[in-house]
PDB file of N, CA and C in Angstrom:
ATOM      1  N   UNK A   1      -9.555  -0.216  -4.986  1.00  0.00           N
ATOM      2  CA  UNK A   1      -8.632   0.601  -5.816  1.00  0.00           C
ATOM      3  C   UNK A   1      -7.712   1.267  -5.018  1.00  0.00           C
ATOM      4  N   UNK A   2      -6.391   1.085  -5.284  1.00  0.00           N
ATOM      5  CA  UNK A   2      -5.160   1.634  -4.521  1.00  0.00           C
ATOM      6  C   UNK A   2      -4.401   2.450  -5.364  1.00  0.00           C
ATOM      7  N   UNK A   3      -3.954   3.673  -4.798  1.00  0.00           N
ATOM      8  CA  UNK A   3      -3.050   4.455  -5.691  1.00  0.00           C
ATOM      9  C   UNK A   3      -1.675   4.054  -5.430  1.00  0.00           C
ATOM     10  N   UNK A   4      -0.879   3.793  -6.364  1.00  0.00           N
ATOM     11  CA  UNK A   4       0.417   3.200  -6.290  1.00  0.00           C
ATOM     12  C   UNK A   4       1.422   4.615  -6.004  1.00  0.00           C
ATOM     13  N   UNK A   5       1.832   4.738  -4.796  1.00  0.00           N
ATOM     14  CA  UNK A   5       2.401   5.904  -4.382  1.00  0.00           C
ATOM     15  C   UNK A   5       3.879   5.720  -3.950  1.00  0.00           C
ATOM     16  N   UNK A   6       4.618   5.814  -5.045  1.00  0.00           N
ATOM     17  CA  UNK A   6       5.974   5.414  -4.771  1.00  0.00           C
ATOM     18  C   UNK A   6       7.156   6.078  -5.597  1.00  0.00           C
ATOM     19  N   UNK A   7       6.526   6.956  -6.669  1.00  0.00           N
ATOM     20  CA  UNK A   7       7.214   7.583  -7.589  1.00  0.00           C
ATOM     21  C   UNK A   7       8.347   8.585  -6.991  1.00  0.00           C
ATOM     22  N   UNK A   8       9.749   8.610  -7.209  1.00  0.00           N
ATOM     23  CA  UNK A   8      10.711   9.409  -6.564  1.00  0.00           C
ATOM     24  C   UNK A   8      10.209  11.018  -6.680  1.00  0.00           C
ATOM     25  N   UNK A   9       9.739  11.281  -7.570  1.00  0.00           N
ATOM     26  CA  UNK A   9       9.211  12.813  -7.826  1.00  0.00           C
ATOM     27  C   UNK A   9       8.407  13.272  -6.687  1.00  0.00           C
ATOM     28  N   UNK A  10       7.538  12.257  -6.042  1.00  0.00           N
ATOM     29  CA  UNK A  10       6.559  12.653  -4.919  1.00  0.00           C
ATOM     30  C   UNK A  10       7.341  12.817  -3.745  1.00  0.00           C
ATOM     31  N   UNK A  11       8.444  12.383  -3.552  1.00  0.00           N
ATOM     32  CA  UNK A  11       9.223  12.658  -2.267  1.00  0.00           C
ATOM     33  C   UNK A  11       9.847  14.152  -2.356  1.00  0.00           C
ATOM     34  N   UNK A  12       9.828  14.838  -3.410  1.00  0.00           N
ATOM     35  CA  UNK A  12       9.998  16.385  -3.153  1.00  0.00           C
ATOM     36  C   UNK A  12       8.929  17.162  -2.876  1.00  0.00           C
ATOM     37  N   UNK A  13       7.629  16.627  -2.801  1.00  0.00           N
ATOM     38  CA  UNK A  13       6.475  17.466  -2.347  1.00  0.00           C
ATOM     39  C   UNK A  13       6.468  17.106  -0.953  1.00  0.00           C
ATOM     40  N   UNK A  14       5.677  18.240  -0.306  1.00  0.00           N
ATOM     41  CA  UNK A  14       5.436  18.138   1.071  1.00  0.00           C
ATOM     42  C   UNK A  14       4.299  16.964   1.487  1.00  0.00           C
ATOM     43  N   UNK A  15       4.351  16.520   2.664  1.00  0.00           N
ATOM     44  CA  UNK A  15       3.404  15.612   3.187  1.00  0.00           C
ATOM     45  C   UNK A  15       2.031  15.942   2.957  1.00  0.00           C
ATOM     46  N   UNK A  16       1.724  17.342   3.145  1.00  0.00           N
ATOM     47  CA  UNK A  16       0.443  17.939   3.258  1.00  0.00           C
ATOM     48  C   UNK A  16      -0.165  17.987   1.671  1.00  0.00           C
ATOM     49  N   UNK A  17       1.007  18.303   0.764  1.00  0.00           N
ATOM     50  CA  UNK A  17       0.469  18.183  -0.702  1.00  0.00           C
ATOM     51  C   UNK A  17       0.228  16.860  -0.994  1.00  0.00           C
ATOM     52  N   UNK A  18       1.076  15.905  -0.665  1.00  0.00           N
ATOM     53  CA  UNK A  18       0.770  14.477  -1.046  1.00  0.00           C
ATOM     54  C   UNK A  18      -0.422  13.923  -0.516  1.00  0.00           C
ATOM     55  N   UNK A  19      -0.822  14.162   0.805  1.00  0.00           N
ATOM     56  CA  UNK A  19      -2.069  13.787   1.285  1.00  0.00           C
ATOM     57  C   UNK A  19      -3.289  14.403   0.620  1.00  0.00           C
ATOM     58  N   UNK A  20      -3.119  15.750   0.340  1.00  0.00           N
ATOM     59  CA  UNK A  20      -4.142  16.393  -0.503  1.00  0.00           C
ATOM     60  C   UNK A  20      -4.452  15.726  -1.804  1.00  0.00           C
ATOM     61  N   UNK A  21      -3.451  15.437  -2.456  1.00  0.00           N
ATOM     62  CA  UNK A  21      -3.518  14.782  -3.777  1.00  0.00           C
ATOM     63  C   UNK A  21      -3.998  13.138  -3.473  1.00  0.00           C
ATOM     64  N   UNK A  22      -3.824  12.555  -2.635  1.00  0.00           N
ATOM     65  CA  UNK A  22      -4.332  11.214  -2.359  1.00  0.00           C
ATOM     66  C   UNK A  22      -5.764  11.313  -2.100  1.00  0.00           C
ATOM     67  N   UNK A  23      -6.208  12.389  -1.267  1.00  0.00           N
ATOM     68  CA  UNK A  23      -7.463  12.577  -1.066  1.00  0.00           C
ATOM     69  C   UNK A  23      -8.334  12.771  -2.024  1.00  0.00           C
ATOM     70  N   UNK A  24      -7.693  13.697  -3.299  1.00  0.00           N
ATOM     71  CA  UNK A  24      -8.549  13.952  -4.501  1.00  0.00           C
ATOM     72  C   UNK A  24      -8.573  12.672  -5.241  1.00  0.00           C
ATOM     73  N   UNK A  25      -7.517  12.045  -5.168  1.00  0.00           N
ATOM     74  CA  UNK A  25      -7.742  10.599  -5.859  1.00  0.00           C
ATOM     75  C   UNK A  25      -8.810   9.769  -5.309  1.00  0.00           C
ATOM     76  N   UNK A  26      -8.877   9.686  -4.077  1.00  0.00           N
ATOM     77  CA  UNK A  26      -9.913   8.904  -3.301  1.00  0.00           C
ATOM     78  C   UNK A  26     -11.336   9.394  -3.649  1.00  0.00           C
ATOM     79  N   UNK A  27     -11.532  10.613  -3.757  1.00  0.00           N
ATOM     80  CA  UNK A  27     -12.767  11.429  -4.166  1.00  0.00           C
ATOM     81  C   UNK A  27     -13.182  11.042  -5.516  1.00  0.00           C
ATOM     82  N   UNK A  28     -12.248  11.075  -6.453  1.00  0.00           N
ATOM     83  CA  UNK A  28     -12.609  10.786  -8.030  1.00  0.00           C
ATOM     84  C   UNK A  28     -12.910   9.368  -8.058  1.00  0.00           C
ATOM     85  N   UNK A  29     -12.163   8.382  -7.396  1.00  0.00           N
ATOM     86  CA  UNK A  29     -12.213   7.114  -7.599  1.00  0.00           C
ATOM     87  C   UNK A  29     -13.586   6.437  -7.054  1.00  0.00           C
ATOM     88  N   UNK A  30     -13.898   7.277  -5.858  1.00  0.00           N
ATOM     89  CA  UNK A  30     -15.390   6.872  -5.156  1.00  0.00           C
ATOM     90  C   UNK A  30     -16.380   7.359  -5.944  1.00  0.00           C
ATOM     91  N   UNK A  31     -16.317   8.429  -6.539  1.00  0.00           N
ATOM     92  CA  UNK A  31     -17.280   9.062  -7.467  1.00  0.00           C
ATOM     93  C   UNK A  31     -17.591   8.116  -8.731  1.00  0.00           C
ATOM     94  N   UNK A  32     -16.527   7.418  -9.060  1.00  0.00           N
ATOM     95  CA  UNK A  32     -16.438   6.412 -10.164  1.00  0.00           C
ATOM     96  C   UNK A  32     -17.171   5.314  -9.886  1.00  0.00           C
ATOM     97  N   UNK A  33     -17.508   4.919  -8.658  1.00  0.00           N
ATOM     98  CA  UNK A  33     -18.207   3.836  -8.085  1.00  0.00           C
ATOM     99  C   UNK A  33     -17.492   2.793  -7.382  1.00  0.00           C
ATOM    100  N   UNK A  34     -16.103   3.093  -7.050  1.00  0.00           N
ATOM    101  CA  UNK A  34     -15.332   2.136  -6.249  1.00  0.00           C
ATOM    102  C   UNK A  34     -15.458   2.704  -4.677  1.00  0.00           C
ATOM    103  N   UNK A  35     -16.170   1.888  -3.763  1.00  0.00           N
ATOM    104  CA  UNK A  35     -16.261   2.198  -2.627  1.00  0.00           C
ATOM    105  C   UNK A  35     -14.995   2.246  -1.643  1.00  0.00           C
ATOM    106  N   UNK A  36     -14.140   1.335  -2.034  1.00  0.00           N
ATOM    107  CA  UNK A  36     -13.026   1.124  -1.241  1.00  0.00           C
ATOM    108  C   UNK A  36     -11.875   1.787  -1.906  1.00  0.00           C
ATOM    109  N   UNK A  37     -11.002   2.632  -1.218  1.00  0.00           N
ATOM    110  CA  UNK A  37      -9.804   2.937  -1.847  1.00  0.00           C
ATOM    111  C   UNK A  37      -8.555   2.768  -0.739  1.00  0.00           C
ATOM    112  N   UNK A  38      -7.518   2.876  -1.231  1.00  0.00           N
ATOM    113  CA  UNK A  38      -6.199   2.771  -0.352  1.00  0.00           C
ATOM    114  C   UNK A  38      -4.954   3.289  -0.800  1.00  0.00           C
ATOM    115  N   UNK A  39      -3.800   3.059  -0.339  1.00  0.00           N
ATOM    116  CA  UNK A  39      -2.685   3.588  -0.734  1.00  0.00           C
ATOM    117  C   UNK A  39      -1.516   2.535  -0.737  1.00  0.00           C
ATOM    118  N   UNK A  40      -0.995   2.132  -1.721  1.00  0.00           N
ATOM    119  CA  UNK A  40       0.363   1.396  -1.759  1.00  0.00           C
ATOM    120  C   UNK A  40       1.509   1.956  -1.594  1.00  0.00           C
ATOM    121  N   UNK A  41       2.399   1.740  -0.904  1.00  0.00           N
ATOM    122  CA  UNK A  41       3.664   2.652  -0.808  1.00  0.00           C
ATOM    123  C   UNK A  41       4.663   1.697  -0.020  1.00  0.00           C
ATOM    124  N   UNK A  42       5.812   2.200  -0.105  1.00  0.00           N
ATOM    125  CA  UNK A  42       7.159   1.854   0.754  1.00  0.00           C
ATOM    126  C   UNK A  42       6.757   2.123   2.053  1.00  0.00           C
ATOM    127  N   UNK A  43       7.031   1.145   2.917  1.00  0.00           N
ATOM    128  CA  UNK A  43       6.741   1.464   4.541  1.00  0.00           C
ATOM    129  C   UNK A  43       7.607   2.641   4.892  1.00  0.00           C
ATOM    130  N   UNK A  44       8.904   2.825   4.428  1.00  0.00           N
ATOM    131  CA  UNK A  44       9.606   3.911   4.970  1.00  0.00           C
ATOM    132  C   UNK A  44       9.230   5.221   4.248  1.00  0.00           C
ATOM    133  N   UNK A  45       8.187   5.344   3.444  1.00  0.00           N
ATOM    134  CA  UNK A  45       7.548   6.454   3.041  1.00  0.00           C
ATOM    135  C   UNK A  45       6.426   7.008   4.053  1.00  0.00           C
ATOM    136  N   UNK A  46       5.922   6.079   4.947  1.00  0.00           N
ATOM    137  CA  UNK A  46       4.773   6.565   5.687  1.00  0.00           C
ATOM    138  C   UNK A  46       5.413   7.657   6.720  1.00  0.00           C
ATOM    139  N   UNK A  47       4.728   8.810   6.932  1.00  0.00           N
ATOM    140  CA  UNK A  47       5.353   9.965   7.887  1.00  0.00           C
ATOM    141  C   UNK A  47       6.665  10.706   7.460  1.00  0.00           C
ATOM    142  N   UNK A  48       7.035  10.060   6.285  1.00  0.00           N
ATOM    143  CA  UNK A  48       7.914  10.920   5.666  1.00  0.00           C
ATOM    144  C   UNK A  48       7.612  11.721   4.510  1.00  0.00           C
ATOM    145  N   UNK A  49       6.698  11.020   3.657  1.00  0.00           N
ATOM    146  CA  UNK A  49       6.146  11.668   2.357  1.00  0.00           C
ATOM    147  C   UNK A  49       4.716  11.539   2.425  1.00  0.00           C
ATOM    148  N   UNK A  50       4.124  10.800   3.280  1.00  0.00           N
ATOM    149  CA  UNK A  50       2.585  10.624   3.086  1.00  0.00           C
ATOM    150  C   UNK A  50       2.307  10.162   4.732  1.00  0.00           C
ATOM    151  N   UNK A  51       0.965  10.479   4.905  1.00  0.00           N
ATOM    152  CA  UNK A  51       0.309  10.131   6.236  1.00  0.00           C
ATOM    153  C   UNK A  51      -0.647   9.003   5.965  1.00  0.00           C
ATOM    154  N   UNK A  52      -0.771   8.057   7.023  1.00  0.00           N
ATOM    155  CA  UNK A  52      -1.672   7.043   7.011  1.00  0.00           C
ATOM    156  C   UNK A  52      -2.779   7.484   7.934  1.00  0.00           C
ATOM    157  N   UNK A  53      -3.823   6.977   7.450  1.00  0.00           N
ATOM    158  CA  UNK A  53      -5.000   7.491   8.275  1.00  0.00           C
ATOM    159  C   UNK A  53      -6.308   6.353   8.288  1.00  0.00           C
ATOM    160  N   UNK A  54      -7.390   6.513   8.873  1.00  0.00           N
ATOM    161  CA  UNK A  54      -8.307   5.642   8.679  1.00  0.00           C
ATOM    162  C   UNK A  54      -8.882   5.352   7.430  1.00  0.00           C
ATOM    163  N   UNK A  55      -8.826   6.466   6.401  1.00  0.00           N
ATOM    164  CA  UNK A  55      -9.118   6.457   5.108  1.00  0.00           C
ATOM    165  C   UNK A  55      -8.260   5.737   4.183  1.00  0.00           C
ATOM    166  N   UNK A  56      -6.876   5.514   4.748  1.00  0.00           N
ATOM    167  CA  UNK A  56      -5.784   4.985   3.895  1.00  0.00           C
ATOM    168  C   UNK A  56      -4.915   4.289   4.905  1.00  0.00           C
ATOM    169  N   UNK A  57      -5.160   3.055   5.438  1.00  0.00           N
ATOM    170  CA  UNK A  57      -4.618   2.159   6.283  1.00  0.00           C
ATOM    171  C   UNK A  57      -3.418   1.746   5.640  1.00  0.00           C
ATOM    172  N   UNK A  58      -3.336   1.372   4.152  1.00  0.00           N
ATOM    173  CA  UNK A  58      -2.174   1.165   3.472  1.00  0.00           C
ATOM    174  C   UNK A  58      -2.026  -0.199   3.043  1.00  0.00           C
ATOM    175  N   UNK A  59      -1.416  -0.443   2.130  1.00  0.00           N
ATOM    176  CA  UNK A  59      -0.734  -1.689   1.654  1.00  0.00           C
ATOM    177  C   UNK A  59       0.513  -1.350   1.736  1.00  0.00           C
ATOM    178  N   UNK A  60       1.292  -1.766   2.533  1.00  0.00           N
ATOM    179  CA  UNK A  60       2.830  -1.343   2.665  1.00  0.00           C
ATOM    180  C   UNK A  60       3.703  -2.376   2.207  1.00  0.00           C
ATOM    181  N   UNK A  61       4.739  -1.807   1.438  1.00  0.00           N
ATOM    182  CA  UNK A  61       5.885  -2.816   1.026  1.00  0.00           C
ATOM    183  C   UNK A  61       7.191  -2.597   1.731  1.00  0.00           C
ATOM    184  N   UNK A  62       7.597  -3.663   2.267  1.00  0.00           N
ATOM    185  CA  UNK A  62       8.923  -3.829   2.896  1.00  0.00           C
ATOM    186  C   UNK A  62       9.430  -5.147   2.782  1.00  0.00           C
ATOM    187  N   UNK A  63      10.548  -5.255   2.389  1.00  0.00           N
ATOM    188  CA  UNK A  63      11.111  -6.758   2.001  1.00  0.00           C
ATOM    189  C   UNK A  63      12.348  -7.030   2.975  1.00  0.00           C
ATOM    190  N   UNK A  64      11.855  -7.573   4.276  1.00  0.00           N
ATOM    191  CA  UNK A  64      12.991  -7.987   5.200  1.00  0.00           C
ATOM    192  C   UNK A  64      13.725  -9.299   4.777  1.00  0.00           C
ATOM    193  N   UNK A  65      14.882  -9.493   5.256  1.00  0.00           N
ATOM    194  CA  UNK A  65      15.617 -10.740   4.767  1.00  0.00           C
ATOM    195  C   UNK A  65      14.666 -12.038   5.396  1.00  0.00           C
ATOM    196  N   UNK A  66      14.149 -11.927   6.443  1.00  0.00           N
ATOM    197  CA  UNK A  66      13.410 -13.040   6.978  1.00  0.00           C
ATOM    198  C   UNK A  66      12.045 -12.540   7.693  1.00  0.00           C
ATOM    199  N   UNK A  67      10.963 -12.498   6.582  1.00  0.00           N
ATOM    200  CA  UNK A  67       9.815 -12.142   6.956  1.00  0.00           C
ATOM    201  C   UNK A  67       9.082 -12.945   8.017  1.00  0.00           C
ATOM    202  N   UNK A  68       8.618 -12.318   9.141  1.00  0.00           N
ATOM    203  CA  UNK A  68       8.069 -12.964  10.369  1.00  0.00           C
ATOM    204  C   UNK A  68       6.467 -13.040  10.198  1.00  0.00           C
ATOM    205  N   UNK A  69       5.932 -12.295   9.391  1.00  0.00           N
ATOM    206  CA  UNK A  69       4.348 -12.072   9.385  1.00  0.00           C
ATOM    207  C   UNK A  69       3.771 -11.113  10.374  1.00  0.00           C
ATOM    208  N   UNK A  70       4.571 -10.432  11.324  1.00  0.00           N
ATOM    209  CA  UNK A  70       4.321  -9.515  12.230  1.00  0.00           C
ATOM    210  C   UNK A  70       4.416  -8.173  11.993  1.00  0.00           C
ATOM    211  N   UNK A  71       4.844  -7.946  10.820  1.00  0.00           N
ATOM    212  CA  UNK A  71       5.145  -6.288  10.524  1.00  0.00           C
ATOM    213  C   UNK A  71       3.909  -5.629  10.056  1.00  0.00           C
ATOM    214  N   UNK A  72       3.755  -4.462  10.466  1.00  0.00           N
ATOM    215  CA  UNK A  72       2.743  -3.478   9.802  1.00  0.00           C
ATOM    216  C   UNK A  72       1.236  -4.204  10.087  1.00  0.00           C
ATOM    217  N   UNK A  73       0.992  -4.624  11.036  1.00  0.00           N
ATOM    218  CA  UNK A  73      -0.284  -5.430  11.434  1.00  0.00           C
ATOM    219  C   UNK A  73      -1.395  -4.345  11.399  1.00  0.00           C
ATOM    220  N   UNK A  74      -1.227  -3.116  11.445  1.00  0.00           N
ATOM    221  CA  UNK A  74      -2.144  -2.321  11.457  1.00  0.00           C
ATOM    222  C   UNK A  74      -2.580  -1.799  10.208  1.00  0.00           C
ATOM    223  N   UNK A  75      -1.783  -2.091   8.974  1.00  0.00           N
ATOM    224  CA  UNK A  75      -2.013  -1.678   7.781  1.00  0.00           C
ATOM    225  C   UNK A  75      -3.081  -2.759   7.036  1.00  0.00           C
ATOM    226  N   UNK A  76      -3.499  -2.525   6.108  1.00  0.00           N
ATOM    227  CA  UNK A  76      -4.512  -3.450   5.633  1.00  0.00           C
ATOM    228  C   UNK A  76      -3.665  -4.496   4.909  1.00  0.00           C
ATOM    229  N   UNK A  77      -2.607  -4.346   4.426  1.00  0.00           N
ATOM    230  CA  UNK A  77      -1.758  -5.501   3.904  1.00  0.00           C
ATOM    231  C   UNK A  77      -0.274  -5.240   3.781  1.00  0.00           C
ATOM    232  N   UNK A  78       0.473  -6.073   3.896  1.00  0.00           N
ATOM    233  CA  UNK A  78       2.101  -5.997   3.777  1.00  0.00           C
ATOM    234  C   UNK A  78       2.519  -6.972   2.656  1.00  0.00           C
ATOM    235  N   UNK A  79       3.276  -6.144   1.732  1.00  0.00           N
ATOM    236  CA  UNK A  79       3.771  -6.927   0.751  1.00  0.00           C
ATOM    237  C   UNK A  79       5.314  -7.192   1.219  1.00  0.00           C
ATOM    238  N   UNK A  80       5.640  -8.426   1.217  1.00  0.00           N
ATOM    239  CA  UNK A  80       7.123  -8.853   1.899  1.00  0.00           C
ATOM    240  C   UNK A  80       7.927  -9.290   1.016  1.00  0.00           C
ATOM    241  N   UNK A  81       7.706  -9.371  -0.185  1.00  0.00           N
ATOM    242  CA  UNK A  81       8.541  -9.603  -1.372  1.00  0.00           C
ATOM    243  C   UNK A  81       8.144  -9.369  -2.703  1.00  0.00           C
ATOM    244  N   UNK A  82       9.092  -9.142  -3.737  1.00  0.00           N
ATOM    245  CA  UNK A  82       8.718  -8.893  -5.068  1.00  0.00           C
ATOM    246  C   UNK A  82       9.416  -9.985  -5.773  1.00  0.00           C
ATOM    247  N   UNK A  83       9.946 -10.975  -5.152  1.00  0.00           N
ATOM    248  CA  UNK A  83      10.676 -12.049  -6.049  1.00  0.00           C
ATOM    249  C   UNK A  83      10.400 -13.401  -5.461  1.00  0.00           C
ATOM    250  N   UNK A  84       9.186 -13.797  -5.053  1.00  0.00           N
ATOM    251  CA  UNK A  84       9.173 -15.273  -4.519  1.00  0.00           C
ATOM    252  C   UNK A  84       8.934 -16.140  -5.741  1.00  0.00           C
ATOM    253  N   UNK A  85       9.415 -17.388  -5.354  1.00  0.00           N
ATOM    254  CA  UNK A  85       9.406 -18.340  -6.457  1.00  0.00           C
ATOM    255  C   UNK A  85       8.569 -19.694  -5.729  1.00  0.00           C
ATOM    256  N   UNK A  86       7.324 -19.664  -6.151  1.00  0.00           N
ATOM    257  CA  UNK A  86       6.650 -20.850  -5.779  1.00  0.00           C
ATOM    258  C   UNK A  86       6.969 -22.154  -6.575  1.00  0.00           C
ATOM    259  N   UNK A  87       7.079 -23.310  -5.799  1.00  0.00           N
ATOM    260  CA  UNK A  87       7.172 -24.414  -6.463  1.00  0.00           C
ATOM    261  C   UNK A  87       6.250 -24.783  -7.647  1.00  0.00           C
ATOM    262  N   UNK A  88       6.974 -25.090  -8.759  1.00  0.00           N
ATOM    263  CA  UNK A  88       6.169 -25.233  -9.977  1.00  0.00           C
ATOM    264  C   UNK A  88       6.015 -24.010 -10.914  1.00  0.00           C
ATOM    265  N   UNK A  89       6.195 -22.847 -10.481  1.00  0.00           N
ATOM    266  CA  UNK A  89       6.097 -21.602 -10.945  1.00  0.00           C
ATOM    267  C   UNK A  89       7.319 -21.161 -11.938  1.00  0.00           C
ATOM    268  N   UNK A  90       7.077 -20.810 -12.950  1.00  0.00           N
ATOM    269  CA  UNK A  90       8.103 -20.325 -13.926  1.00  0.00           C
ATOM    270  C   UNK A  90       8.895 -19.001 -13.421  1.00  0.00           C
ATOM    271  N   UNK A  91       8.196 -18.108 -12.892  1.00  0.00           N
ATOM    272  CA  UNK A  91       8.639 -16.726 -12.686  1.00  0.00           C
ATOM    273  C   UNK A  91       8.677 -16.374 -11.089  1.00  0.00           C
ATOM    274  N   UNK A  92       9.075 -15.203 -10.855  1.00  0.00           N
ATOM    275  CA  UNK A  92       9.018 -14.797  -9.545  1.00  0.00           C
ATOM    276  C   UNK A  92       7.856 -14.009  -9.274  1.00  0.00           C
ATOM    277  N   UNK A  93       7.349 -13.853  -8.071  1.00  0.00           N
ATOM    278  CA  UNK A  93       6.078 -13.074  -7.931  1.00  0.00           C
ATOM    279  C   UNK A  93       6.102 -12.202  -6.680  1.00  0.00           C
ATOM    280  N   UNK A  94       5.308 -11.173  -6.552  1.00  0.00           N
ATOM    281  CA  UNK A  94       5.099 -10.230  -5.651  1.00  0.00           C
ATOM    282  C   UNK A  94       4.233 -11.208  -4.687  1.00  0.00           C
ATOM    283  N   UNK A  95       4.419 -11.215  -3.212  1.00  0.00           N
ATOM    284  CA  UNK A  95       3.660 -11.697  -2.154  1.00  0.00           C
ATOM    285  C   UNK A  95       3.205 -10.745  -1.176  1.00  0.00           C
ATOM    286  N   UNK A  96       1.993 -10.651  -0.899  1.00  0.00           N
ATOM    287  CA  UNK A  96       1.590  -9.810   0.270  1.00  0.00           C
ATOM    288  C   UNK A  96       0.793 -10.777   1.029  1.00  0.00           C
ATOM    289  N   UNK A  97       0.681  -9.960   2.401  1.00  0.00           N
ATOM    290  CA  UNK A  97      -0.160 -10.802   3.623  1.00  0.00           C
ATOM    291  C   UNK A  97      -1.275  -9.897   3.750  1.00  0.00           C
ATOM    292  N   UNK A  98      -2.469 -10.159   3.795  1.00  0.00           N
ATOM    293  CA  UNK A  98      -3.559  -9.418   4.183  1.00  0.00           C
ATOM    294  C   UNK A  98      -3.805  -9.492   5.671  1.00  0.00           C
ATOM    295  N   UNK A  99      -3.956  -8.333   6.340  1.00  0.00           N
ATOM    296  CA  UNK A  99      -4.093  -8.147   7.752  1.00  0.00           C
ATOM    297  C   UNK A  99      -5.404  -8.014   8.270  1.00  0.00           C
ATOM    298  N   UNK A 100      -6.406  -8.074   7.268  1.00  0.00           N
ATOM    299  CA  UNK A 100      -7.947  -7.682   7.588  1.00  0.00           C
ATOM    300  C   UNK A 100      -8.758  -8.156   6.225  1.00  0.00           C
ATOM    301  N   UNK A 101      -9.964  -7.941   6.441  1.00  0.00           N
ATOM    302  CA  UNK A 101     -10.716  -8.321   5.252  1.00  0.00           C
ATOM    303  C   UNK A 101     -11.105  -7.033   4.416  1.00  0.00           C
ATOM    304  N   UNK A 102     -10.388  -6.124   4.490  1.00  0.00           N
ATOM    305  CA  UNK A 102     -10.588  -4.695   3.832  1.00  0.00           C
ATOM    306  C   UNK A 102     -10.747  -4.978   2.234  1.00  0.00           C
ATOM    307  N   UNK A 103      -9.890  -5.684   1.624  1.00  0.00           N
ATOM    308  CA  UNK A 103      -9.999  -5.944   0.247  1.00  0.00           C
ATOM    309  C   UNK A 103     -10.828  -7.060  -0.283  1.00  0.00           C
ATOM    310  N   UNK A 104     -11.371  -7.822   0.616  1.00  0.00           N
ATOM    311  CA  UNK A 104     -12.485  -8.755   0.279  1.00  0.00           C
ATOM    312  C   UNK A 104     -13.898  -8.325   0.220  1.00  0.00           C
ATOM    313  N   UNK A 105     -14.850  -9.101  -0.493  1.00  0.00           N
ATOM    314  CA  UNK A 105     -16.098  -8.795  -0.582  1.00  0.00           C
ATOM    315  C   UNK A 105     -16.737  -9.482   0.618  1.00  0.00           C
ATOM    316  N   UNK A 106     -16.662  -8.511   1.686  1.00  0.00           N
ATOM    317  CA  UNK A 106     -17.313  -9.253   2.775  1.00  0.00           C
ATOM    318  C   UNK A 106     -18.767  -9.033   3.090  1.00  0.00           C
TER     319      UNK A 106
END
């Protein structure tokens, strides 16, 4: 379960407040039976509006012109586009790269 943390109004809060809110989210979600939690956010929000830590390694979004597969390797995942068109598909899709097995049932 990941908290989608990118609403512009969150940028007006302190990092400490945002971190406390994410910690509270994690506590509630874990109490509901979800053992794994994470944060999805823009990569440029890290250390500006939110902290990353061992409890939230992150699923970071950053859309470079030419993705190399080598960005944000310390994060759980990296979303590198929101408009990829796979051959044979009618629409454009988000595409993420997993950097470890955190989101898998291992």
